[in-house]
């Protein structure tokens, strides 16, 4: 999931640099935000099964 988010952000940066249409840039930004929130929800609610 981390790699997918980084790929989306990289494509977003390239498109923004090249002056792509605003809809593409905003759409990919929203997609990256949603993926990041899903990843945060998974990590924030997962249990670490550590035994010391």
N, C-alpha and C. Protein backbone atom coordinates (compact mmCIF):
# COMPACT_ATOMS: atom_id res chain seq x y z
N UNK A 1 0.82 -1.19 0.00
CA UNK A 1 0.00 0.00 0.00
C UNK A 1 0.87 1.26 0.00
N UNK A 2 1.98 1.21 0.73
CA UNK A 2 2.88 2.37 0.75
C UNK A 2 3.43 2.68 -0.63
N UNK A 3 3.78 1.63 -1.36
CA UNK A 3 4.35 1.82 -2.69
C UNK A 3 3.30 2.41 -3.64
N UNK A 4 2.06 1.99 -3.50
CA UNK A 4 0.99 2.53 -4.35
C UNK A 4 0.80 4.02 -4.08
N UNK A 5 0.82 4.39 -2.82
CA UNK A 5 0.66 5.81 -2.46
C UNK A 5 1.83 6.63 -3.01
N UNK A 6 3.04 6.11 -2.88
CA UNK A 6 4.20 6.83 -3.40
C UNK A 6 4.14 6.96 -4.92
N UNK A 7 3.65 5.92 -5.60
CA UNK A 7 3.51 5.98 -7.06
C UNK A 7 2.48 7.03 -7.46
N UNK A 8 1.36 7.07 -6.75
CA UNK A 8 0.32 8.07 -7.04
C UNK A 8 0.88 9.47 -6.82
N UNK A 9 1.61 9.69 -5.74
CA UNK A 9 2.18 11.00 -5.47
C UNK A 9 3.26 11.39 -6.48
N UNK A 10 4.02 10.41 -6.96
CA UNK A 10 5.03 10.69 -7.98
C UNK A 10 4.38 11.10 -9.29
N UNK A 11 3.37 10.35 -9.71
CA UNK A 11 2.64 10.69 -10.93
C UNK A 11 1.99 12.06 -10.77
N UNK A 12 1.45 12.33 -9.60
CA UNK A 12 0.83 13.63 -9.32
C UNK A 12 1.84 14.76 -9.48
N UNK A 13 3.03 14.58 -8.93
CA UNK A 13 4.06 15.62 -9.03
C UNK A 13 4.49 15.84 -10.47
N UNK A 14 4.64 14.77 -11.23
CA UNK A 14 5.04 14.90 -12.63
C UNK A 14 3.96 15.61 -13.43
N UNK A 15 2.71 15.23 -13.22
CA UNK A 15 1.61 15.87 -13.95
C UNK A 15 1.49 17.34 -13.58
N UNK A 16 1.65 17.65 -12.30
CA UNK A 16 1.57 19.05 -11.88
C UNK A 16 2.72 19.86 -12.48
N UNK A 17 3.91 19.26 -12.54
CA UNK A 17 5.07 19.95 -13.10
C UNK A 17 4.89 20.22 -14.60
N UNK A 18 4.31 19.26 -15.28
CA UNK A 18 4.12 19.40 -16.73
C UNK A 18 2.90 20.23 -17.10
N UNK A 19 2.12 20.63 -16.13
CA UNK A 19 0.98 21.50 -16.39
C UNK A 19 -0.23 20.76 -16.91
N UNK A 20 -0.50 19.60 -16.35
CA UNK A 20 -1.67 18.81 -16.76
C UNK A 20 -2.96 19.52 -16.35
N UNK A 21 -4.06 18.99 -16.82
CA UNK A 21 -5.36 19.58 -16.48
C UNK A 21 -5.59 19.51 -14.97
N UNK A 22 -6.26 20.52 -14.49
CA UNK A 22 -6.51 20.63 -13.05
C UNK A 22 -7.29 19.43 -12.52
N UNK A 23 -8.20 18.89 -13.32
CA UNK A 23 -9.00 17.74 -12.89
C UNK A 23 -8.12 16.53 -12.58
N UNK A 24 -7.09 16.30 -13.40
CA UNK A 24 -6.19 15.18 -13.15
C UNK A 24 -5.40 15.38 -11.86
N UNK A 25 -4.91 16.57 -11.65
CA UNK A 25 -4.10 16.86 -10.47
C UNK A 25 -4.94 16.74 -9.20
N UNK A 26 -6.10 17.35 -9.21
CA UNK A 26 -6.97 17.30 -8.03
C UNK A 26 -7.48 15.88 -7.79
N UNK A 27 -7.82 15.18 -8.86
CA UNK A 27 -8.30 13.80 -8.73
C UNK A 27 -7.25 12.88 -8.13
N UNK A 28 -6.01 13.00 -8.60
CA UNK A 28 -4.95 12.17 -8.03
C UNK A 28 -4.62 12.58 -6.61
N UNK A 29 -4.73 13.86 -6.30
CA UNK A 29 -4.49 14.31 -4.94
C UNK A 29 -5.53 13.71 -3.99
N UNK A 30 -6.79 13.72 -4.42
CA UNK A 30 -7.85 13.14 -3.60
C UNK A 30 -7.64 11.63 -3.45
N UNK A 31 -7.25 10.96 -4.53
CA UNK A 31 -6.98 9.53 -4.46
C UNK A 31 -5.85 9.25 -3.47
N UNK A 32 -4.78 10.03 -3.53
CA UNK A 32 -3.68 9.87 -2.58
C UNK A 32 -4.12 10.10 -1.15
N UNK A 33 -4.96 11.10 -0.95
CA UNK A 33 -5.47 11.38 0.40
C UNK A 33 -6.31 10.22 0.93
N UNK A 34 -7.19 9.69 0.10
CA UNK A 34 -8.04 8.57 0.52
C UNK A 34 -7.19 7.35 0.84
N UNK A 35 -6.22 7.05 -0.02
CA UNK A 35 -5.34 5.90 0.26
C UNK A 35 -4.55 6.10 1.54
N UNK A 36 -4.08 7.32 1.79
CA UNK A 36 -3.33 7.60 3.00
C UNK A 36 -4.22 7.42 4.23
N UNK A 37 -5.46 7.88 4.17
CA UNK A 37 -6.37 7.73 5.30
C UNK A 37 -6.70 6.26 5.56
N UNK A 38 -6.86 5.48 4.50
CA UNK A 38 -7.10 4.04 4.66
C UNK A 38 -5.89 3.38 5.32
N UNK A 39 -4.70 3.72 4.85
CA UNK A 39 -3.49 3.16 5.43
C UNK A 39 -3.36 3.56 6.90
N UNK A 40 -3.65 4.81 7.23
CA UNK A 40 -3.58 5.26 8.62
C UNK A 40 -4.58 4.50 9.48
N UNK A 41 -5.79 4.29 8.96
CA UNK A 41 -6.81 3.56 9.72
C UNK A 41 -6.36 2.13 9.99
N UNK A 42 -5.74 1.50 9.00
CA UNK A 42 -5.27 0.13 9.18
C UNK A 42 -4.15 0.09 10.23
N UNK A 43 -3.21 1.01 10.14
CA UNK A 43 -2.08 1.01 11.08
C UNK A 43 -2.49 1.47 12.47
N UNK A 44 -3.43 2.39 12.56
CA UNK A 44 -3.83 2.90 13.87
C UNK A 44 -4.67 1.91 14.64
N UNK A 45 -5.36 1.02 13.95
CA UNK A 45 -6.24 0.09 14.64
C UNK A 45 -5.68 -1.33 14.72
N UNK A 46 -4.53 -1.59 14.10
CA UNK A 46 -3.97 -2.93 14.16
C UNK A 46 -3.26 -3.14 15.50
N UNK A 47 -3.28 -4.37 15.94
CA UNK A 47 -2.66 -4.69 17.22
C UNK A 47 -1.26 -5.26 16.98
N UNK A 48 -0.35 -4.84 17.79
CA UNK A 48 0.99 -5.42 17.75
C UNK A 48 1.04 -6.55 18.76
N UNK A 49 1.25 -7.74 18.27
CA UNK A 49 1.29 -8.90 19.15
C UNK A 49 2.73 -9.14 19.61
N UNK A 50 3.14 -8.30 20.57
CA UNK A 50 4.51 -8.39 21.08
C UNK A 50 4.49 -9.10 22.41
N UNK A 51 5.43 -10.00 22.57
CA UNK A 51 5.59 -10.73 23.84
C UNK A 51 6.98 -10.49 24.37
N UNK A 52 7.06 -9.96 25.57
CA UNK A 52 8.36 -9.71 26.21
C UNK A 52 8.51 -10.59 27.42
